[in-house]
PDB file of N, CA and C in Angstrom:
ATOM      1  N   MET A   1      26.044 -17.183  85.114  1.00  0.00           N
ATOM      2  CA  MET A   1      27.016 -16.218  85.579  1.00  0.00           C
ATOM      3  C   MET A   1      27.366 -16.593  87.014  1.00  0.00           C
ATOM      4  N   ARG A   2      28.623 -16.787  87.259  1.00  0.00           N
ATOM      5  CA  ARG A   2      29.089 -17.125  88.599  1.00  0.00           C
ATOM      6  C   ARG A   2      30.158 -16.136  89.021  1.00  0.00           C
ATOM      7  N   ASP A   3      30.534 -16.209  90.266  1.00  0.00           N
ATOM      8  CA  ASP A   3      31.643 -15.400  90.780  1.00  0.00           C
ATOM      9  C   ASP A   3      31.471 -13.913  90.482  1.00  0.00           C
ATOM     10  N   ALA A   4      30.280 -13.373  90.709  1.00  0.00           N
ATOM     11  CA  ALA A   4      30.011 -11.967  90.385  1.00  0.00           C
ATOM     12  C   ALA A   4      30.374 -11.059  91.551  1.00  0.00           C
ATOM     13  N   HIS A   5      30.977  -9.931  91.231  1.00  0.00           N
ATOM     14  CA  HIS A   5      31.350  -8.917  92.222  1.00  0.00           C
ATOM     15  C   HIS A   5      31.056  -7.539  91.653  1.00  0.00           C
ATOM     16  N   ARG A   6      30.480  -6.643  92.467  1.00  0.00           N
ATOM     17  CA  ARG A   6      30.177  -5.280  92.018  1.00  0.00           C
ATOM     18  C   ARG A   6      31.357  -4.358  92.278  1.00  0.00           C
ATOM     19  N   HIS A   7      31.585  -3.434  91.332  1.00  0.00           N
ATOM     20  CA  HIS A   7      32.601  -2.406  91.521  1.00  0.00           C
ATOM     21  C   HIS A   7      32.309  -1.224  90.614  1.00  0.00           C
ATOM     22  N   ALA A   8      32.351  -0.034  91.148  1.00  0.00           N
ATOM     23  CA  ALA A   8      32.232   1.240  90.415  1.00  0.00           C
ATOM     24  C   ALA A   8      31.199   1.212  89.296  1.00  0.00           C
ATOM     25  N   GLY A   9      29.967   0.871  89.616  1.00  0.00           N
ATOM     26  CA  GLY A   9      28.904   0.901  88.615  1.00  0.00           C
ATOM     27  C   GLY A   9      28.914  -0.251  87.639  1.00  0.00           C
ATOM     28  N   ALA A  10      29.759  -1.234  87.871  1.00  0.00           N
ATOM     29  CA  ALA A  10      29.819  -2.389  86.977  1.00  0.00           C
ATOM     30  C   ALA A  10      29.783  -3.658  87.805  1.00  0.00           C
ATOM     31  N   LEU A  11      29.519  -4.735  87.137  1.00  0.00           N
ATOM     32  CA  LEU A  11      29.506  -6.048  87.750  1.00  0.00           C
ATOM     33  C   LEU A  11      30.623  -6.848  87.108  1.00  0.00           C
ATOM     34  N   SER A  12      31.499  -7.380  87.909  1.00  0.00           N
ATOM     35  CA  SER A  12      32.586  -8.204  87.409  1.00  0.00           C
ATOM     36  C   SER A  12      32.144  -9.652  87.553  1.00  0.00           C
ATOM     37  N   ALA A  13      32.208 -10.419  86.476  1.00  0.00           N
ATOM     38  CA  ALA A  13      31.721 -11.794  86.505  1.00  0.00           C
ATOM     39  C   ALA A  13      32.536 -12.657  85.543  1.00  0.00           C
ATOM     40  N   THR A  14      32.370 -13.951  85.669  1.00  0.00           N
ATOM     41  CA  THR A  14      32.984 -14.897  84.749  1.00  0.00           C
ATOM     42  C   THR A  14      31.862 -15.528  83.935  1.00  0.00           C
ATOM     43  N   LEU A  15      31.943 -15.398  82.612  1.00  0.00           N
ATOM     44  CA  LEU A  15      30.949 -15.967  81.710  1.00  0.00           C
ATOM     45  C   LEU A  15      31.586 -17.078  80.887  1.00  0.00           C
ATOM     46  N   GLU A  16      30.768 -18.010  80.452  1.00  0.00           N
ATOM     47  CA  GLU A  16      31.261 -19.078  79.589  1.00  0.00           C
ATOM     48  C   GLU A  16      30.917 -18.753  78.147  1.00  0.00           C
ATOM     49  N   TYR A  17      31.904 -18.896  77.278  1.00  0.00           N
ATOM     50  CA  TYR A  17      31.733 -18.652  75.852  1.00  0.00           C
ATOM     51  C   TYR A  17      32.015 -19.928  75.077  1.00  0.00           C
ATOM     52  N   LEU A  18      31.282 -20.124  74.001  1.00  0.00           N
ATOM     53  CA  LEU A  18      31.465 -21.255  73.111  1.00  0.00           C
ATOM     54  C   LEU A  18      32.764 -21.093  72.338  1.00  0.00           C
ATOM     55  N   LEU A  19      33.595 -22.116  72.350  1.00  0.00           N
ATOM     56  CA  LEU A  19      34.848 -22.074  71.592  1.00  0.00           C
ATOM     57  C   LEU A  19      34.584 -22.394  70.126  1.00  0.00           C
ATOM     58  N   PRO A  20      35.352 -21.801  69.214  1.00  0.00           N
ATOM     59  CA  PRO A  20      35.188 -22.131  67.799  1.00  0.00           C
ATOM     60  C   PRO A  20      35.491 -23.610  67.556  1.00  0.00           C
ATOM     61  N   GLY A  21      34.791 -24.195  66.616  1.00  0.00           N
ATOM     62  CA  GLY A  21      35.020 -25.592  66.273  1.00  0.00           C
ATOM     63  C   GLY A  21      34.739 -25.825  64.806  1.00  0.00           C
ATOM     64  N   ALA A  22      35.190 -26.948  64.296  1.00  0.00           N
ATOM     65  CA  ALA A  22      35.016 -27.278  62.880  1.00  0.00           C
ATOM     66  C   ALA A  22      33.576 -27.673  62.573  1.00  0.00           C
ATOM     67  N   ASP A  23      32.895 -28.275  63.545  1.00  0.00           N
ATOM     68  CA  ASP A  23      31.528 -28.759  63.326  1.00  0.00           C
ATOM     69  C   ASP A  23      30.509 -27.863  64.019  1.00  0.00           C
ATOM     70  N   ARG A  24      29.284 -27.968  63.553  1.00  0.00           N
ATOM     71  CA  ARG A  24      28.196 -27.234  64.198  1.00  0.00           C
ATOM     72  C   ARG A  24      28.039 -27.773  65.623  1.00  0.00           C
ATOM     73  N   PRO A  25      28.044 -26.892  66.631  1.00  0.00           N
ATOM     74  CA  PRO A  25      27.973 -27.389  68.008  1.00  0.00           C
ATOM     75  C   PRO A  25      26.603 -27.979  68.335  1.00  0.00           C
ATOM     76  N   PHE A  26      26.626 -28.998  69.186  1.00  0.00           N
ATOM     77  CA  PHE A  26      25.381 -29.560  69.698  1.00  0.00           C
ATOM     78  C   PHE A  26      25.560 -29.932  71.158  1.00  0.00           C
ATOM     79  N   HIS A  27      24.432 -29.965  71.878  1.00  0.00           N
ATOM     80  CA  HIS A  27      24.419 -30.361  73.283  1.00  0.00           C
ATOM     81  C   HIS A  27      23.049 -30.970  73.556  1.00  0.00           C
ATOM     82  N   PHE A  28      23.008 -32.269  73.793  1.00  0.00           N
ATOM     83  CA  PHE A  28      21.750 -32.948  74.069  1.00  0.00           C
ATOM     84  C   PHE A  28      21.335 -32.734  75.513  1.00  0.00           C
ATOM     85  N   MET A  29      20.049 -32.526  75.731  1.00  0.00           N
ATOM     86  CA  MET A  29      19.494 -32.401  77.074  1.00  0.00           C
ATOM     87  C   MET A  29      18.842 -33.721  77.492  1.00  0.00           C
ATOM     88  N   TYR A  30      18.960 -34.722  76.667  1.00  0.00           N
ATOM     89  CA  TYR A  30      18.418 -36.058  76.903  1.00  0.00           C
ATOM     90  C   TYR A  30      19.416 -37.036  76.281  1.00  0.00           C
ATOM     91  N   PRO A  31      19.341 -38.335  76.601  1.00  0.00           N
ATOM     92  CA  PRO A  31      20.319 -39.268  76.034  1.00  0.00           C
ATOM     93  C   PRO A  31      20.329 -39.193  74.500  1.00  0.00           C
ATOM     94  N   PRO A  32      21.509 -39.048  73.905  1.00  0.00           N
ATOM     95  CA  PRO A  32      21.592 -38.965  72.438  1.00  0.00           C
ATOM     96  C   PRO A  32      20.962 -40.189  71.776  1.00  0.00           C
ATOM     97  N   PRO A  33      20.221 -39.970  70.690  1.00  0.00           N
ATOM     98  CA  PRO A  33      19.481 -41.072  70.064  1.00  0.00           C
ATOM     99  C   PRO A  33      20.378 -42.203  69.542  1.00  0.00           C
ATOM    100  N   ASP A  34      21.598 -41.891  69.156  1.00  0.00           N
ATOM    101  CA  ASP A  34      22.475 -42.927  68.594  1.00  0.00           C
ATOM    102  C   ASP A  34      23.519 -43.420  69.597  1.00  0.00           C
ATOM    103  N   GLY A  35      23.362 -43.036  70.857  1.00  0.00           N
ATOM    104  CA  GLY A  35      24.328 -43.440  71.873  1.00  0.00           C
ATOM    105  C   GLY A  35      25.645 -42.684  71.776  1.00  0.00           C
ATOM    106  N   GLY A  36      25.684 -41.652  70.960  1.00  0.00           N
ATOM    107  CA  GLY A  36      26.902 -40.863  70.761  1.00  0.00           C
ATOM    108  C   GLY A  36      27.149 -39.898  71.915  1.00  0.00           C
ATOM    109  N   PRO A  37      28.057 -38.964  71.709  1.00  0.00           N
ATOM    110  CA  PRO A  37      28.393 -38.015  72.779  1.00  0.00           C
ATOM    111  C   PRO A  37      27.232 -37.063  73.079  1.00  0.00           C
ATOM    112  N   TRP A  38      27.192 -36.594  74.320  1.00  0.00           N
ATOM    113  CA  TRP A  38      26.161 -35.645  74.744  1.00  0.00           C
ATOM    114  C   TRP A  38      26.400 -34.274  74.135  1.00  0.00           C
ATOM    115  N   GLN A  39      27.646 -33.921  73.866  1.00  0.00           N
ATOM    116  CA  GLN A  39      27.967 -32.620  73.278  1.00  0.00           C
ATOM    117  C   GLN A  39      29.284 -32.718  72.517  1.00  0.00           C
ATOM    118  N   ASN A  40      29.480 -31.780  71.616  1.00  0.00           N
ATOM    119  CA  ASN A  40      30.746 -31.718  70.881  1.00  0.00           C
ATOM    120  C   ASN A  40      31.388 -30.343  71.008  1.00  0.00           C
ATOM    121  N   ALA A  41      30.850 -29.532  71.904  1.00  0.00           N
ATOM    122  CA  ALA A  41      31.310 -28.150  72.019  1.00  0.00           C
ATOM    123  C   ALA A  41      32.241 -27.984  73.212  1.00  0.00           C
ATOM    124  N   GLY A  42      33.162 -27.053  73.058  1.00  0.00           N
ATOM    125  CA  GLY A  42      34.031 -26.669  74.163  1.00  0.00           C
ATOM    126  C   GLY A  42      33.691 -25.257  74.595  1.00  0.00           C
ATOM    127  N   TYR A  43      33.977 -24.964  75.856  1.00  0.00           N
ATOM    128  CA  TYR A  43      33.646 -23.656  76.412  1.00  0.00           C
ATOM    129  C   TYR A  43      34.848 -23.084  77.140  1.00  0.00           C
ATOM    130  N   ALA A  44      34.940 -21.756  77.152  1.00  0.00           N
ATOM    131  CA  ALA A  44      36.002 -21.068  77.886  1.00  0.00           C
ATOM    132  C   ALA A  44      35.353 -20.125  78.890  1.00  0.00           C
ATOM    133  N   ARG A  45      35.841 -20.148  80.119  1.00  0.00           N
ATOM    134  CA  ARG A  45      35.385 -19.208  81.151  1.00  0.00           C
ATOM    135  C   ARG A  45      36.251 -17.957  81.056  1.00  0.00           C
ATOM    136  N   VAL A  46      35.572 -16.795  80.872  1.00  0.00           N
ATOM    137  CA  VAL A  46      36.274 -15.539  80.630  1.00  0.00           C
ATOM    138  C   VAL A  46      35.785 -14.485  81.624  1.00  0.00           C
ATOM    139  N   PRO A  47      36.700 -13.835  82.353  1.00  0.00           N
ATOM    140  CA  PRO A  47      36.266 -12.746  83.235  1.00  0.00           C
ATOM    141  C   PRO A  47      35.869 -11.527  82.403  1.00  0.00           C
ATOM    142  N   VAL A  48      34.735 -10.925  82.741  1.00  0.00           N
ATOM    143  CA  VAL A  48      34.235  -9.758  82.005  1.00  0.00           C
ATOM    144  C   VAL A  48      33.712  -8.710  82.977  1.00  0.00           C
ATOM    145  N   SER A  49      33.601  -7.496  82.490  1.00  0.00           N
ATOM    146  CA  SER A  49      32.997  -6.410  83.241  1.00  0.00           C
ATOM    147  C   SER A  49      31.655  -6.104  82.581  1.00  0.00           C
ATOM    148  N   ILE A  50      30.587  -6.128  83.360  1.00  0.00           N
ATOM    149  CA  ILE A  50      29.240  -5.909  82.832  1.00  0.00           C
ATOM    150  C   ILE A  50      28.721  -4.584  83.365  1.00  0.00           C
ATOM    151  N   ARG A  51      28.290  -3.708  82.446  1.00  0.00           N
ATOM    152  CA  ARG A  51      27.753  -2.405  82.821  1.00  0.00           C
ATOM    153  C   ARG A  51      26.330  -2.263  82.299  1.00  0.00           C
ATOM    154  N   ASP A  52      25.595  -1.334  82.853  1.00  0.00           N
ATOM    155  CA  ASP A  52      24.235  -1.072  82.413  1.00  0.00           C
ATOM    156  C   ASP A  52      24.294  -0.459  81.014  1.00  0.00           C
ATOM    157  N   ALA A  53      23.845  -1.195  80.016  1.00  0.00           N
ATOM    158  CA  ALA A  53      23.920  -0.753  78.621  1.00  0.00           C
ATOM    159  C   ALA A  53      22.985   0.412  78.332  1.00  0.00           C
ATOM    160  N   ARG A  54      22.071   0.706  79.243  1.00  0.00           N
ATOM    161  CA  ARG A  54      21.149   1.827  79.031  1.00  0.00           C
ATOM    162  C   ARG A  54      21.762   3.156  79.400  1.00  0.00           C
ATOM    163  N   LYS A  55      22.932   3.136  80.036  1.00  0.00           N
ATOM    164  CA  LYS A  55      23.541   4.374  80.525  1.00  0.00           C
ATOM    165  C   LYS A  55      24.791   4.728  79.732  1.00  0.00           C
ATOM    166  N   GLY A  56      24.711   5.796  78.966  1.00  0.00           N
ATOM    167  CA  GLY A  56      25.888   6.360  78.296  1.00  0.00           C
ATOM    168  C   GLY A  56      26.554   5.458  77.280  1.00  0.00           C
ATOM    169  N   GLY A  57      27.536   6.029  76.629  1.00  0.00           N
ATOM    170  CA  GLY A  57      28.316   5.296  75.640  1.00  0.00           C
ATOM    171  C   GLY A  57      27.543   5.021  74.367  1.00  0.00           C
ATOM    172  N   ALA A  58      28.226   4.398  73.430  1.00  0.00           N
ATOM    173  CA  ALA A  58      27.607   4.039  72.157  1.00  0.00           C
ATOM    174  C   ALA A  58      26.585   2.932  72.389  1.00  0.00           C
ATOM    175  N   PRO A  59      25.450   2.994  71.703  1.00  0.00           N
ATOM    176  CA  PRO A  59      24.446   1.948  71.892  1.00  0.00           C
ATOM    177  C   PRO A  59      24.965   0.594  71.397  1.00  0.00           C
ATOM    178  N   ALA A  60      24.564  -0.465  72.094  1.00  0.00           N
ATOM    179  CA  ALA A  60      24.958  -1.824  71.699  1.00  0.00           C
ATOM    180  C   ALA A  60      24.288  -2.167  70.373  1.00  0.00           C
ATOM    181  N   ARG A  61      24.998  -2.886  69.531  1.00  0.00           N
ATOM    182  CA  ARG A  61      24.472  -3.319  68.239  1.00  0.00           C
ATOM    183  C   ARG A  61      24.603  -4.830  68.119  1.00  0.00           C
ATOM    184  N   LEU A  62      23.587  -5.449  67.548  1.00  0.00           N
ATOM    185  CA  LEU A  62      23.525  -6.897  67.422  1.00  0.00           C
ATOM    186  C   LEU A  62      24.768  -7.465  66.747  1.00  0.00           C
ATOM    187  N   GLY A  63      25.210  -6.850  65.667  1.00  0.00           N
ATOM    188  CA  GLY A  63      26.364  -7.345  64.929  1.00  0.00           C
ATOM    189  C   GLY A  63      27.690  -7.135  65.628  1.00  0.00           C
ATOM    190  N   ARG A  64      27.736  -6.235  66.597  1.00  0.00           N
ATOM    191  CA  ARG A  64      28.986  -5.930  67.289  1.00  0.00           C
ATOM    192  C   ARG A  64      29.052  -6.580  68.667  1.00  0.00           C
ATOM    193  N   GLU A  65      28.040  -6.360  69.498  1.00  0.00           N
ATOM    194  CA  GLU A  65      28.050  -6.905  70.859  1.00  0.00           C
ATOM    195  C   GLU A  65      27.280  -8.218  70.995  1.00  0.00           C
ATOM    196  N   GLY A  66      26.474  -8.552  69.981  1.00  0.00           N
ATOM    197  CA  GLY A  66      25.686  -9.771  70.059  1.00  0.00           C
ATOM    198  C   GLY A  66      24.330  -9.563  70.711  1.00  0.00           C
ATOM    199  N   PHE A  67      24.006  -8.328  71.047  1.00  0.00           N
ATOM    200  CA  PHE A  67      22.687  -7.981  71.575  1.00  0.00           C
ATOM    201  C   PHE A  67      22.407  -6.536  71.217  1.00  0.00           C
ATOM    202  N   GLU A  68      21.135  -6.176  71.343  1.00  0.00           N
ATOM    203  CA  GLU A  68      20.714  -4.821  71.045  1.00  0.00           C
ATOM    204  C   GLU A  68      19.554  -4.486  71.966  1.00  0.00           C
ATOM    205  N   LEU A  69      19.522  -3.273  72.472  1.00  0.00           N
ATOM    206  CA  LEU A  69      18.402  -2.833  73.302  1.00  0.00           C
ATOM    207  C   LEU A  69      17.405  -2.103  72.420  1.00  0.00           C
ATOM    208  N   ARG A  70      16.141  -2.461  72.555  1.00  0.00           N
ATOM    209  CA  ARG A  70      15.083  -1.811  71.795  1.00  0.00           C
ATOM    210  C   ARG A  70      13.925  -1.487  72.723  1.00  0.00           C
ATOM    211  N   HIS A  71      13.274  -0.380  72.455  1.00  0.00           N
ATOM    212  CA  HIS A  71      12.060  -0.043  73.191  1.00  0.00           C
ATOM    213  C   HIS A  71      10.945  -0.863  72.554  1.00  0.00           C
ATOM    214  N   ALA A  72      10.390  -1.802  73.297  1.00  0.00           N
ATOM    215  CA  ALA A  72       9.373  -2.693  72.740  1.00  0.00           C
ATOM    216  C   ALA A  72       8.351  -3.053  73.814  1.00  0.00           C
ATOM    217  N   PRO A  73       7.456  -2.127  74.139  1.00  0.00           N
ATOM    218  CA  PRO A  73       6.429  -2.433  75.139  1.00  0.00           C
ATOM    219  C   PRO A  73       5.570  -3.610  74.675  1.00  0.00           C
ATOM    220  N   SER A  74       5.151  -4.416  75.614  1.00  0.00           N
ATOM    221  CA  SER A  74       4.333  -5.581  75.291  1.00  0.00           C
ATOM    222  C   SER A  74       2.866  -5.306  75.600  1.00  0.00           C
ATOM    223  N   ALA A  75       1.999  -5.952  74.851  1.00  0.00           N
ATOM    224  CA  ALA A  75       0.563  -5.869  75.111  1.00  0.00           C
ATOM    225  C   ALA A  75       0.135  -6.901  76.155  1.00  0.00           C
ATOM    226  N   VAL A  76       1.059  -7.739  76.605  1.00  0.00           N
ATOM    227  CA  VAL A  76       0.736  -8.747  77.619  1.00  0.00           C
ATOM    228  C   VAL A  76       0.398  -8.050  78.934  1.00  0.00           C
ATOM    229  N   ARG A  77      -0.687  -8.452  79.539  1.00  0.00           N
ATOM    230  CA  ARG A  77      -1.104  -7.880  80.820  1.00  0.00           C
ATOM    231  C   ARG A  77      -0.717  -8.787  81.987  1.00  0.00           C
ATOM    232  N   ASP A  78      -0.589 -10.087  81.739  1.00  0.00           N
ATOM    233  CA  ASP A  78      -0.291 -11.040  82.806  1.00  0.00           C
ATOM    234  C   ASP A  78       0.716 -12.076  82.310  1.00  0.00           C
ATOM    235  N   PHE A  79       1.985 -11.871  82.643  1.00  0.00           N
ATOM    236  CA  PHE A  79       3.024 -12.793  82.194  1.00  0.00           C
ATOM    237  C   PHE A  79       2.943 -14.146  82.898  1.00  0.00           C
ATOM    238  N   PHE A  80       2.111 -14.269  83.926  1.00  0.00           N
ATOM    239  CA  PHE A  80       1.900 -15.565  84.568  1.00  0.00           C
ATOM    240  C   PHE A  80       0.837 -16.376  83.836  1.00  0.00           C
ATOM    241  N   ASN A  81       0.140 -15.749  82.890  1.00  0.00           N
ATOM    242  CA  ASN A  81      -0.891 -16.420  82.098  1.00  0.00           C
ATOM    243  C   ASN A  81      -0.222 -17.003  80.849  1.00  0.00           C
ATOM    244  N   ARG A  82       0.074 -18.297  80.895  1.00  0.00           N
ATOM    245  CA  ARG A  82       0.805 -18.956  79.811  1.00  0.00           C
ATOM    246  C   ARG A  82       0.100 -18.791  78.464  1.00  0.00           C
ATOM    247  N   ASP A  83      -1.215 -18.921  78.431  1.00  0.00           N
ATOM    248  CA  ASP A  83      -1.950 -18.781  77.167  1.00  0.00           C
ATOM    249  C   ASP A  83      -1.767 -17.391  76.568  1.00  0.00           C
ATOM    250  N   GLU A  84      -1.835 -16.361  77.416  1.00  0.00           N
ATOM    251  CA  GLU A  84      -1.647 -14.991  76.933  1.00  0.00           C
ATOM    252  C   GLU A  84      -0.221 -14.785  76.420  1.00  0.00           C
ATOM    253  N   VAL A  85       0.755 -15.335  77.136  1.00  0.00           N
ATOM    254  CA  VAL A  85       2.152 -15.202  76.711  1.00  0.00           C
ATOM    255  C   VAL A  85       2.354 -15.866  75.351  1.00  0.00           C
ATOM    256  N   LEU A  86       1.802 -17.072  75.179  1.00  0.00           N
ATOM    257  CA  LEU A  86       1.950 -17.771  73.892  1.00  0.00           C
ATOM    258  C   LEU A  86       1.223 -17.038  72.766  1.00  0.00           C
ATOM    259  N   ARG A  87       0.030 -16.526  73.056  1.00  0.00           N
ATOM    260  CA  ARG A  87      -0.804 -15.876  72.041  1.00  0.00           C
ATOM    261  C   ARG A  87      -0.310 -14.476  71.679  1.00  0.00           C
ATOM    262  N   VAL A  88       0.181 -13.721  72.685  1.00  0.00           N
ATOM    263  CA  VAL A  88       0.544 -12.319  72.467  1.00  0.00           C
ATOM    264  C   VAL A  88       2.052 -12.097  72.419  1.00  0.00           C
ATOM    265  N   TYR A  89       2.751 -12.586  73.433  1.00  0.00           N
ATOM    266  CA  TYR A  89       4.177 -12.260  73.573  1.00  0.00           C
ATOM    267  C   TYR A  89       5.054 -12.963  72.541  1.00  0.00           C
ATOM    268  N   HIS A  90       4.808 -14.231  72.291  1.00  0.00           N
ATOM    269  CA  HIS A  90       5.648 -14.930  71.315  1.00  0.00           C
ATOM    270  C   HIS A  90       5.617 -14.248  69.946  1.00  0.00           C
ATOM    271  N   PRO A  91       4.438 -13.885  69.411  1.00  0.00           N
ATOM    272  CA  PRO A  91       4.444 -13.147  68.139  1.00  0.00           C
ATOM    273  C   PRO A  91       5.136 -11.780  68.244  1.00  0.00           C
ATOM    274  N   GLU A  92       5.003 -11.095  69.383  1.00  0.00           N
ATOM    275  CA  GLU A  92       5.697  -9.811  69.558  1.00  0.00           C
ATOM    276  C   GLU A  92       7.214 -10.011  69.466  1.00  0.00           C
ATOM    277  N   VAL A  93       7.710 -11.019  70.168  1.00  0.00           N
ATOM    278  CA  VAL A  93       9.151 -11.287  70.170  1.00  0.00           C
ATOM    279  C   VAL A  93       9.617 -11.679  68.776  1.00  0.00           C
ATOM    280  N   ALA A  94       8.836 -12.466  68.070  1.00  0.00           N
ATOM    281  CA  ALA A  94       9.196 -12.852  66.701  1.00  0.00           C
ATOM    282  C   ALA A  94       9.304 -11.617  65.807  1.00  0.00           C
ATOM    283  N   ARG A  95       8.368 -10.684  65.928  1.00  0.00           N
ATOM    284  CA  ARG A  95       8.424  -9.458  65.122  1.00  0.00           C
ATOM    285  C   ARG A  95       9.680  -8.642  65.442  1.00  0.00           C
ATOM    286  N   ILE A  96      10.057  -8.566  66.709  1.00  0.00           N
ATOM    287  CA  ILE A  96      11.274  -7.841  67.096  1.00  0.00           C
ATOM    288  C   ILE A  96      12.501  -8.508  66.492  1.00  0.00           C
ATOM    289  N   ALA A  97      12.563  -9.832  66.552  1.00  0.00           N
ATOM    290  CA  ALA A  97      13.704 -10.562  65.985  1.00  0.00           C
ATOM    291  C   ALA A  97      13.794 -10.349  64.479  1.00  0.00           C
ATOM    292  N   LEU A  98      12.664 -10.357  63.797  1.00  0.00           N
ATOM    293  CA  LEU A  98      12.653 -10.129  62.351  1.00  0.00           C
ATOM    294  C   LEU A  98      13.144  -8.719  62.026  1.00  0.00           C
ATOM    295  N   ALA A  99      12.678  -7.739  62.779  1.00  0.00           N
ATOM    296  CA  ALA A  99      13.087  -6.351  62.543  1.00  0.00           C
ATOM    297  C   ALA A  99      14.571  -6.154  62.826  1.00  0.00           C
ATOM    298  N   ALA A 100      15.085  -6.802  63.850  1.00  0.00           N
ATOM    299  CA  ALA A 100      16.493  -6.628  64.232  1.00  0.00           C
ATOM    300  C   ALA A 100      17.453  -7.314  63.279  1.00  0.00           C
ATOM    301  N   THR A 101      17.032  -8.422  62.697  1.00  0.00           N
ATOM    302  CA  THR A 101      17.955  -9.229  61.883  1.00  0.00           C
ATOM    303  C   THR A 101      17.709  -9.152  60.391  1.00  0.00           C
ATOM    304  N   GLY A 102      16.505  -8.733  59.987  1.00  0.00           N
ATOM    305  CA  GLY A 102      16.171  -8.755  58.568  1.00  0.00           C
ATOM    306  C   GLY A 102      15.813 -10.145  58.082  1.00  0.00           C
ATOM    307  N   ALA A 103      15.652 -11.090  58.996  1.00  0.00           N
ATOM    308  CA  ALA A 103      15.299 -12.464  58.623  1.00  0.00           C
ATOM    309  C   ALA A 103      13.887 -12.508  58.043  1.00  0.00           C
ATOM    310  N   SER A 104      13.577 -13.584  57.349  1.00  0.00           N
ATOM    311  CA  SER A 104      12.243 -13.728  56.773  1.00  0.00           C
ATOM    312  C   SER A 104      11.319 -14.550  57.662  1.00  0.00           C
ATOM    313  N   ARG A 105      11.893 -15.327  58.603  1.00  0.00           N
ATOM    314  CA  ARG A 105      11.078 -16.130  59.521  1.00  0.00           C
ATOM    315  C   ARG A 105      11.726 -16.141  60.899  1.00  0.00           C
ATOM    316  N   ALA A 106      10.902 -16.230  61.929  1.00  0.00           N
ATOM    317  CA  ALA A 106      11.387 -16.349  63.309  1.00  0.00           C
ATOM    318  C   ALA A 106      10.495 -17.333  64.045  1.00  0.00           C
ATOM    319  N   PHE A 107      11.092 -18.166  64.869  1.00  0.00           N
ATOM    320  CA  PHE A 107      10.355 -19.148  65.650  1.00  0.00           C
ATOM    321  C   PHE A 107      10.663 -18.945  67.129  1.00  0.00           C
ATOM    322  N   VAL A 108       9.655 -18.625  67.897  1.00  0.00           N
ATOM    323  CA  VAL A 108       9.807 -18.518  69.343  1.00  0.00           C
ATOM    324  C   VAL A 108       9.329 -19.851  69.901  1.00  0.00           C
ATOM    325  N   PHE A 109      10.223 -20.583  70.544  1.00  0.00           N
ATOM    326  CA  PHE A 109       9.884 -21.933  70.971  1.00  0.00           C
ATOM    327  C   PHE A 109       9.840 -22.107  72.488  1.00  0.00           C
ATOM    328  N   ASP A 110      10.227 -21.072  73.240  1.00  0.00           N
ATOM    329  CA  ASP A 110      10.278 -21.221  74.684  1.00  0.00           C
ATOM    330  C   ASP A 110      10.354 -19.838  75.314  1.00  0.00           C
ATOM    331  N   HIS A 111      10.045 -19.764  76.572  1.00  0.00           N
ATOM    332  CA  HIS A 111      10.240 -18.531  77.326  1.00  0.00           C
ATOM    333  C   HIS A 111      10.518 -18.888  78.780  1.00  0.00           C
ATOM    334  N   LEU A 112      11.133 -17.967  79.469  1.00  0.00           N
ATOM    335  CA  LEU A 112      11.482 -18.157  80.875  1.00  0.00           C
ATOM    336  C   LEU A 112      10.983 -16.949  81.654  1.00  0.00           C
ATOM    337  N   LEU A 113      10.224 -17.186  82.678  1.00  0.00           N
ATOM    338  CA  LEU A 113       9.714 -16.120  83.524  1.00  0.00           C
ATOM    339  C   LEU A 113      10.564 -16.066  84.777  1.00  0.00           C
ATOM    340  N   ARG A 114      11.222 -14.941  85.006  1.00  0.00           N
ATOM    341  CA  ARG A 114      12.069 -14.763  86.185  1.00  0.00           C
ATOM    342  C   ARG A 114      11.368 -13.850  87.163  1.00  0.00           C
ATOM    343  N   GLN A 115      11.512 -14.161  88.441  1.00  0.00           N
ATOM    344  CA  GLN A 115      10.915 -13.344  89.486  1.00  0.00           C
ATOM    345  C   GLN A 115      11.984 -12.938  90.485  1.00  0.00           C
ATOM    346  N   ARG A 116      11.901 -11.706  90.913  1.00  0.00           N
ATOM    347  CA  ARG A 116      12.801 -11.260  91.980  1.00  0.00           C
ATOM    348  C   ARG A 116      12.353 -11.887  93.289  1.00  0.00           C
ATOM    349  N   GLN A 117      13.323 -12.201  94.107  1.00  0.00           N
ATOM    350  CA  GLN A 117      13.028 -12.718  95.431  1.00  0.00           C
ATOM    351  C   GLN A 117      13.372 -11.641  96.447  1.00  0.00           C
ATOM    352  N   ALA A 118      12.514 -11.444  97.413  1.00  0.00           N
ATOM    353  CA  ALA A 118      12.759 -10.438  98.446  1.00  0.00           C
ATOM    354  C   ALA A 118      14.114 -10.672  99.091  1.00  0.00           C
ATOM    355  N   GLY A 119      14.908  -9.609  99.178  1.00  0.00           N
ATOM    356  CA  GLY A 119      16.222  -9.695  99.806  1.00  0.00           C
ATOM    357  C   GLY A 119      17.337 -10.196  98.911  1.00  0.00           C
ATOM    358  N   ALA A 120      16.989 -10.576  97.689  1.00  0.00           N
ATOM    359  CA  ALA A 120      18.018 -11.090  96.773  1.00  0.00           C
ATOM    360  C   ALA A 120      18.396 -10.020  95.768  1.00  0.00           C
TER     361      ALA A 120
END
């Protein structure tokens, strides 16, 4: 998210969206094995207004907005403990994904720990 500006309880920002294409999109994070292109996807930068989804209005739904808010407390006590996150949090997240989508399998393959910085 770049070019963000706050106004009247919302954040105005420009987000990048994947453009529709005939083929399944791909983007290599390492040199492509066959020497082919690094990606085949196109993106569009779109200005959007972002509001706190927890406040008022109709609740967000996965099929409509592409995300859903759920109350899902974690049993993880230390998110800096990688072993605990892999052992406890990954299965928790997989169960949430299964419940939200009705899928029969879910694979959690990565996680990102974000920290607030003082003054930011």
